[in-house]
Amino acid sequence: MWFTERPDANFLRVMSSMTRGPVDGSLSGNALRGLRMTIDYPRALAWFTRGR
């Protein structure tokens, strides 16, 4: 797995403009590849379990 860092303020401005709040960072989908994610939107909860 590879990681990168973007000190570029454009990322923060552009991504935050598309959401309700500020975006401080992001995580690529391949980082979650081995996990199953269940989201409870009304309660603002998320669970991660090992996938198949």
C-alpha atoms as a PDB file:
ATOM      1  CA  MET A   1       0.000   0.000   0.000  1.00  0.00           C
ATOM      2  CA  TRP A   2       1.320   3.450  -0.906  1.00  0.00           C
ATOM      3  CA  PHE A   3       0.683   6.754   0.799  1.00  0.00           C
ATOM      4  CA  THR A   4       1.156  10.275  -0.392  1.00  0.00           C
ATOM      5  CA  GLU A   5       0.828  13.671   1.183  1.00  0.00           C
ATOM      6  CA  ARG A   6      -0.461  16.792  -0.529  1.00  0.00           C
ATOM      7  CA  PRO A   7       0.486  19.995   1.257  1.00  0.00           C
ATOM      8  CA  ASP A   8      -1.292  21.829  -1.578  1.00  0.00           C
ATOM      9  CA  ALA A   9      -4.039  24.108  -0.202  1.00  0.00           C
ATOM     10  CA  ASN A  10      -6.009  23.628  -3.447  1.00  0.00           C
ATOM     11  CA  PHE A  11      -7.012  20.153  -2.306  1.00  0.00           C
ATOM     12  CA  LEU A  12      -8.531  21.540   0.892  1.00  0.00           C
ATOM     13  CA  ARG A  13     -10.345  24.361  -0.919  1.00  0.00           C
ATOM     14  CA  VAL A  14     -11.693  22.321  -3.825  1.00  0.00           C
ATOM     15  CA  MET A  15     -12.798  19.276  -1.821  1.00  0.00           C
ATOM     16  CA  SER A  16     -14.318  21.389   0.956  1.00  0.00           C
ATOM     17  CA  SER A  17     -16.334  23.363  -1.597  1.00  0.00           C
ATOM     18  CA  MET A  18     -18.174  20.128  -2.508  1.00  0.00           C
ATOM     19  CA  THR A  19     -19.095  19.146   1.070  1.00  0.00           C
ATOM     20  CA  ARG A  20     -20.971  20.585   4.041  1.00  0.00           C
ATOM     21  CA  GLY A  21     -17.818  20.973   6.102  1.00  0.00           C
ATOM     22  CA  PRO A  22     -14.075  21.240   5.723  1.00  0.00           C
ATOM     23  CA  VAL A  23     -12.150  18.280   4.330  1.00  0.00           C
ATOM     24  CA  ASP A  24      -8.882  17.681   6.165  1.00  0.00           C
ATOM     25  CA  GLY A  25      -7.726  14.697   4.123  1.00  0.00           C
ATOM     26  CA  SER A  26      -8.787  11.694   2.124  1.00  0.00           C
ATOM     27  CA  LEU A  27      -8.234   7.962   1.996  1.00  0.00           C
ATOM     28  CA  SER A  28      -8.056   5.972  -1.205  1.00  0.00           C
ATOM     29  CA  GLY A  29     -10.534   3.152  -1.715  1.00  0.00           C
ATOM     30  CA  ASN A  30      -7.779   0.565  -2.057  1.00  0.00           C
ATOM     31  CA  ALA A  31      -6.834   1.236   1.597  1.00  0.00           C
ATOM     32  CA  LEU A  32     -10.241  -0.211   2.528  1.00  0.00           C
ATOM     33  CA  ARG A  33     -10.028  -3.116   0.082  1.00  0.00           C
ATOM     34  CA  GLY A  34     -10.115  -5.901   2.683  1.00  0.00           C
ATOM     35  CA  LEU A  35     -12.912  -4.363   4.739  1.00  0.00           C
ATOM     36  CA  ARG A  36     -16.688  -4.338   4.652  1.00  0.00           C
ATOM     37  CA  MET A  37     -18.139  -0.981   5.635  1.00  0.00           C
ATOM     38  CA  THR A  38     -21.640  -0.531   7.044  1.00  0.00           C
ATOM     39  CA  ILE A  39     -22.891   3.039   7.408  1.00  0.00           C
ATOM     40  CA  ASP A  40     -25.787   4.191   9.572  1.00  0.00           C
ATOM     41  CA  TYR A  41     -26.401   7.646   8.109  1.00  0.00           C
ATOM     42  CA  PRO A  42     -29.168   8.775  10.517  1.00  0.00           C
ATOM     43  CA  ARG A  43     -26.969   8.033  13.552  1.00  0.00           C
ATOM     44  CA  ALA A  44     -23.717   9.135  11.857  1.00  0.00           C
ATOM     45  CA  LEU A  45     -22.020   5.791  12.618  1.00  0.00           C
ATOM     46  CA  ALA A  46     -19.829   3.472  10.574  1.00  0.00           C
ATOM     47  CA  TRP A  47     -18.628  -0.073  11.232  1.00  0.00           C
ATOM     48  CA  PHE A  48     -15.695  -1.788   9.579  1.00  0.00           C
ATOM     49  CA  THR A  49     -15.392  -5.569   9.532  1.00  0.00           C
ATOM     50  CA  ARG A  50     -13.083  -7.869   7.652  1.00  0.00           C
ATOM     51  CA  GLY A  51     -14.413  -8.690   4.205  1.00  0.00           C
ATOM     52  CA  ARG A  52     -14.294 -12.032   2.454  1.00  0.00           C
END
